[in-house]
Structures are given as C-alpha cells and as structure tokens.
Amino acid sequence: MKIEPSNRREALRTLAVGGVGIAAAAVALSKTAAAEEVALDKTPASIKKAAHQLVKGAKWEVVMKHKEDDGHEYYELYGTHDKGLNVSVEVAADGKVTSVELQIDLKDVPKAALSAVSAKLTAFKPDTATALYAGDGIHDLGKALFAYQLHGTAAKGKDLTVEVTAEGKIVEVKREIELGDVPKGVSDVLANKAPKFKPDMVHRITRDDKVAGFLFASKHRVAWLSHDGKEFEIHKED
C-alpha cells in the first residue's frame, strides 16, 4: 500500500524550510538525492523498534528510505495511531529518531495556541492539527522540542497552515496566494533557475511577520525559493 498526499498542498508542507527550533528540525527542506519505498518486513529491526517505542500502538503502512547527496541515510515511517489519525516518524540509519508528526484532535491543541492564531488570523478556519516533535535523538516525546501545526482555509477558501507553540507564539505561516501576487523579482529568479518549470500554485512563507520565501508547485514538481533568491531547491514528486 502506498500513501499518497491528499493533494499537492500536503506535499508542499513537507518541503517547507523550517524557521527556528522545532520548525527547522521537523519540516526542514529535503536535500534528498534518492528515495525508495522499503517493504515493512525488509525495514531494519532497529528502525522499527525506535519508531514503535515512541508511538506505541502505531500501525505502520509505508516506509521510505532516503539517501542524501552527502551519503546520509534515514527512514521515514508512515501510518496511523490513535483513532486512525496519521503519524510519521523520521529515523536516522543509526536508530536515532529526529522527528515525529502526530495528527491530533483540534480540541487537544492548547487554548493559548488556538487563541493566538485566531486573534492574528481572523479568517482562518483550521480543520486538522498536528503535533510536531524534533530533536537529535528523541527518546521521550514529553521531553522533545515541539509545536503545533494547524491546517485549514482562510479568506476565499485559500489554503493556510500555521505553526504555533503551546504558549501561543506563531512560528510560521504558509499562505496560498495567486501566482500574480509573487514579486516580479522572485518570479524572474525562478524562471532563470528553472526555465521549464511552470507552477500553478504558490504558497508564501512568513516568519516573524517577514516573508521568508515561496513554495511553488506544478503537477509533478515542487520548488522552494527564498525571498532574496539565494536559496533554491526543486524536487520531483514520486
């Protein structure tokens, strides 16, 4: 069984460059050179054990093995946990867990976090929530760095994703915008770096109320371009 993102917006989320702390570790831009699906029964026991110890009772359905340009290898396990909610765990080849994403009920998000988001983004209507955990070697989710990610829609039904701490500090906002609203300078850099790439969707990424960059998507590709044009990554969706 292969789990596909519900749509390209979900794929975009996984490519977003993290801002600080949890965001940097949990949703860092992938520099993966190669990725392949690995059968669950062929996945190293140490990898499965590390994931099971952190998310007890999870039912793993898909395992992806990644190898970066520098030779670094890691695994991503996808499945479901409590009440059939989604879960993913990233495990380094040495068995150290570096990130965990647990879908949770909206009612389980702290009130301080929800209040901060609703006060700043009045038109935002979240429909899903995810708890994000990150660290160099996570052994206990209760001791890991964490934040919450709320996903839903804003004005005119546009896609919106917000990362917020339990205390209510908004870390990052990913907002779907019209392609025509991308600054010309950014569009020109994109056209120069990837002349054959024709995006049909774009998200603007802001951190600390400053635009950090843009995530572009076409049917088969996603690309990140920083606001200053210095950082660029493009990936083909499998």
Protein backbone atom coordinates (compact mmCIF):
# COMPACT_ATOMS: atom_id res chain seq x y z
CA MET A 1 0.00 0.00 0.00
CA LYS A 2 1.30 3.44 -0.86
CA ILE A 3 0.04 6.52 0.95
CA GLU A 4 -0.40 9.49 -1.31
CA PRO A 5 -0.71 13.08 -0.05
CA SER A 6 -4.34 14.19 -0.02
CA ASN A 7 -3.27 16.87 -2.50
CA ARG A 8 -0.22 18.82 -3.56
CA ARG A 9 -0.69 21.24 -0.67
CA GLU A 10 0.28 18.45 1.71
CA ALA A 11 3.35 17.71 -0.39
CA LEU A 12 4.25 21.38 -0.24
CA ARG A 13 4.11 21.31 3.53
CA THR A 14 6.74 18.61 3.72
CA LEU A 15 9.16 20.67 1.62
CA ALA A 16 8.89 23.90 3.61
CA VAL A 17 12.10 25.21 5.14
CA GLY A 18 11.76 25.39 8.91
CA GLY A 19 12.23 28.71 10.64
CA VAL A 20 13.60 28.20 14.17
CA GLY A 21 13.74 25.39 16.68
CA ILE A 22 11.04 22.80 16.02
CA ALA A 23 10.28 24.07 12.53
CA ALA A 24 13.88 23.78 11.39
CA ALA A 25 14.11 20.18 12.50
CA ALA A 26 10.64 18.93 11.75
CA VAL A 27 9.97 20.36 8.32
CA ALA A 28 13.43 21.15 7.01
CA LEU A 29 13.83 21.34 3.27
CA SER A 30 14.79 17.92 1.98
CA LYS A 31 18.09 17.65 0.15
CA THR A 32 17.38 14.05 -0.69
CA ALA A 33 19.16 12.72 -3.75
CA ALA A 34 17.27 9.44 -3.82
CA ALA A 35 14.30 7.85 -2.11
CA GLU A 36 12.82 4.40 -2.36
CA GLU A 37 9.96 2.58 -0.71
CA VAL A 38 11.04 -0.31 1.50
CA ALA A 39 8.81 -3.22 2.44
CA LEU A 40 7.94 -3.19 6.13
CA ASP A 41 9.37 -6.69 6.62
CA LYS A 42 12.62 -5.55 4.96
CA THR A 43 13.00 -2.49 7.17
CA PRO A 44 15.83 -2.87 9.72
CA ALA A 45 14.57 -4.03 13.12
CA SER A 46 16.36 -1.15 14.86
CA ILE A 47 14.43 1.36 12.77
CA LYS A 48 11.06 -0.20 13.51
CA LYS A 49 11.90 -0.60 17.20
CA ALA A 50 12.80 3.10 17.53
CA ALA A 51 9.52 4.15 15.93
CA HIS A 52 7.43 1.72 17.99
CA GLN A 53 9.00 2.84 21.26
CA LEU A 54 7.91 6.43 20.67
CA VAL A 55 4.48 5.82 19.15
CA LYS A 56 3.17 2.70 20.83
CA GLY A 57 0.30 1.04 19.05
CA ALA A 58 1.03 2.70 15.71
CA LYS A 59 0.25 0.71 12.57
CA TRP A 60 2.99 1.38 10.02
CA GLU A 61 1.94 1.17 6.40
CA VAL A 62 4.71 2.74 4.33
CA VAL A 63 8.46 3.08 4.84
CA MET A 64 10.64 5.31 2.68
CA LYS A 65 14.44 5.14 2.70
CA HIS A 66 16.25 8.35 1.80
CA LYS A 67 19.87 8.91 0.85
CA GLU A 68 21.18 12.45 0.68
CA ASP A 69 23.93 13.78 -1.55
CA ASP A 70 26.44 13.54 1.29
CA GLY A 71 25.67 9.86 1.86
CA HIS A 72 23.50 10.39 4.95
CA GLU A 73 20.67 7.83 5.12
CA TYR A 74 17.43 7.92 7.06
CA TYR A 75 14.00 6.32 7.07
CA GLU A 76 10.50 7.77 7.21
CA LEU A 77 7.71 5.57 8.52
CA TYR A 78 4.09 6.50 7.79
CA GLY A 79 0.99 5.04 9.34
CA THR A 80 -1.81 5.63 11.81
CA HIS A 81 -2.08 5.80 15.57
CA ASP A 82 -4.90 6.57 18.00
CA LYS A 83 -8.34 6.71 16.34
CA GLY A 84 -6.80 6.15 12.92
CA LEU A 85 -5.05 9.54 12.93
CA ASN A 86 -1.92 9.92 10.79
CA VAL A 87 1.61 9.60 12.16
CA SER A 88 5.07 9.81 10.65
CA VAL A 89 8.46 9.22 12.23
CA GLU A 90 11.89 10.02 10.85
CA VAL A 91 14.67 7.70 11.99
CA ALA A 92 18.37 8.01 11.14
CA ALA A 93 20.20 4.92 9.95
CA ASP A 94 21.78 4.58 13.41
CA GLY A 95 18.32 4.28 15.01
CA LYS A 96 18.05 7.82 16.39
CA VAL A 97 14.62 9.42 15.95
CA THR A 98 14.90 13.02 14.73
CA SER A 99 11.26 13.97 14.19
CA VAL A 100 7.74 12.79 14.87
CA GLU A 101 4.49 14.17 13.47
CA LEU A 102 1.27 13.12 15.19
CA GLN A 103 -2.11 14.16 13.90
CA ILE A 104 -4.29 15.09 16.88
CA ASP A 105 -7.82 16.33 17.53
CA LEU A 106 -8.22 20.09 17.32
CA LYS A 107 -9.63 20.06 20.83
CA ASP A 108 -6.27 18.80 22.09
CA VAL A 109 -4.42 21.92 20.93
CA PRO A 110 -3.78 24.25 23.90
CA LYS A 111 -6.18 27.16 24.21
CA ALA A 112 -3.30 29.64 24.27
CA ALA A 113 -2.16 28.43 20.86
CA LEU A 114 -5.64 28.50 19.33
CA SER A 115 -6.39 31.94 20.78
CA ALA A 116 -3.16 33.41 19.43
CA VAL A 117 -3.85 32.07 15.95
CA SER A 118 -7.49 33.19 15.86
CA ALA A 119 -6.53 36.67 17.08
CA LYS A 120 -3.91 37.13 14.36
CA LEU A 121 -5.65 35.29 11.52
CA THR A 122 -9.32 36.08 11.98
CA ALA A 123 -10.48 34.45 8.73
CA PHE A 124 -8.59 31.22 9.35
CA LYS A 125 -10.67 28.07 9.83
CA PRO A 126 -8.43 25.15 10.91
CA ASP A 127 -9.69 21.66 10.16
CA THR A 128 -6.70 19.49 11.15
CA ALA A 129 -3.96 19.69 13.75
CA THR A 130 -0.58 18.00 14.06
CA ALA A 131 1.85 17.87 16.96
CA LEU A 132 5.43 18.24 15.71
CA TYR A 133 8.36 16.89 17.73
CA ALA A 134 12.05 17.25 16.92
CA GLY A 135 15.48 16.54 18.38
CA ASP A 136 18.87 14.96 17.72
CA GLY A 137 17.76 11.71 19.31
CA ILE A 138 14.22 11.62 20.69
CA HIS A 139 13.62 9.05 23.43
CA ASP A 140 10.61 10.63 25.10
CA LEU A 141 8.04 12.84 23.33
CA GLY A 142 7.42 14.61 26.62
CA LYS A 143 11.00 15.89 26.59
CA ALA A 144 11.31 16.74 22.88
CA LEU A 145 11.01 20.16 21.30
CA PHE A 146 7.51 20.53 19.97
CA ALA A 147 4.97 22.83 18.40
CA TYR A 148 1.55 22.54 16.78
CA GLN A 149 0.64 22.81 13.14
CA LEU A 150 -2.87 23.89 12.20
CA HIS A 151 -4.09 23.45 8.64
CA GLY A 152 -7.23 24.77 7.03
CA THR A 153 -8.57 27.59 4.89
CA ALA A 154 -8.56 31.36 5.06
CA ALA A 155 -10.37 34.04 3.06
CA LYS A 156 -11.75 32.92 -0.32
CA GLY A 157 -11.04 29.30 0.58
CA LYS A 158 -7.27 29.72 0.22
CA ASP A 159 -5.06 27.14 1.88
CA LEU A 160 -3.37 28.18 5.13
CA THR A 161 -1.04 26.38 7.53
CA VAL A 162 0.20 27.82 10.82
CA GLU A 163 2.88 26.60 13.19
CA VAL A 164 2.43 27.79 16.77
CA THR A 165 3.96 26.91 20.12
CA ALA A 166 1.89 25.72 23.07
CA GLU A 167 2.34 29.17 24.62
CA GLY A 168 0.90 30.91 21.56
CA LYS A 169 3.99 32.10 19.68
CA ILE A 170 3.35 31.88 15.94
CA VAL A 171 6.45 30.41 14.34
CA GLU A 172 5.47 30.27 10.70
CA VAL A 173 2.57 30.91 8.34
CA LYS A 174 2.20 29.26 4.92
CA ARG A 175 -0.47 31.02 2.90
CA GLU A 176 -1.69 30.16 -0.60
CA ILE A 177 -1.59 33.22 -2.85
CA GLU A 178 -2.19 33.94 -6.51
CA LEU A 179 0.78 33.47 -8.82
CA GLY A 180 0.32 37.06 -9.91
CA ASP A 181 0.99 38.21 -6.35
CA VAL A 182 4.53 36.83 -6.34
CA PRO A 183 7.04 39.72 -6.58
CA LYS A 184 8.40 40.10 -10.09
CA GLY A 185 11.97 39.79 -8.88
CA VAL A 186 11.20 36.39 -7.36
CA SER A 187 9.38 35.21 -10.48
CA ASP A 188 12.31 36.28 -12.64
CA VAL A 189 14.78 34.32 -10.49
CA LEU A 190 12.56 31.24 -10.66
CA ALA A 191 12.29 31.48 -14.43
CA ASN A 192 16.06 31.79 -14.69
CA LYS A 193 16.82 28.86 -12.39
CA ALA A 194 14.11 26.54 -13.73
CA PRO A 195 13.01 27.78 -17.17
CA LYS A 196 10.89 24.68 -17.89
CA PHE A 197 9.09 24.73 -14.54
CA LYS A 198 5.57 26.14 -14.88
CA PRO A 199 3.94 26.31 -11.43
CA ASP A 200 0.18 26.52 -10.99
CA MET A 201 0.13 27.01 -7.22
CA VAL A 202 2.22 29.01 -4.77
CA HIS A 203 2.41 29.48 -1.01
CA ARG A 204 4.07 32.46 0.67
CA ILE A 205 6.05 31.62 3.80
CA THR A 206 6.32 34.22 6.56
CA ARG A 207 8.24 34.05 9.83
CA ASP A 208 8.15 36.75 12.47
CA ASP A 209 5.88 38.69 10.10
CA LYS A 210 8.61 38.76 7.44
CA VAL A 211 8.40 36.97 4.09
CA ALA A 212 10.98 34.16 4.06
CA GLY A 213 10.23 32.70 0.66
CA PHE A 214 7.79 30.95 -1.65
CA LEU A 215 6.80 27.35 -2.34
CA PHE A 216 5.75 26.69 -5.93
CA ALA A 217 4.00 23.59 -7.29
CA SER A 218 3.06 22.12 -10.63
CA LYS A 219 1.51 18.73 -11.27
CA HIS A 220 4.75 16.84 -10.68
CA ARG A 221 7.22 19.28 -9.14
CA VAL A 222 7.57 21.44 -6.09
CA ALA A 223 10.17 24.17 -5.58
CA TRP A 224 11.34 26.43 -2.79
CA LEU A 225 12.80 29.88 -3.47
CA SER A 226 13.83 32.24 -0.70
CA HIS A 227 12.62 35.83 -0.86
CA ASP A 228 16.14 37.08 -1.65
CA GLY A 229 16.56 34.45 -4.37
CA LYS A 230 19.69 32.94 -2.78
CA GLU A 231 18.16 29.61 -1.73
CA PHE A 232 16.57 27.35 -4.31
CA GLU A 233 15.53 23.70 -4.33
CA ILE A 234 13.32 21.84 -6.79
CA HIS A 235 12.04 18.30 -6.38
CA LYS A 236 10.04 15.90 -8.49
CA GLU A 237 7.11 14.29 -6.71
CA ASP A 238 7.09 10.50 -6.84
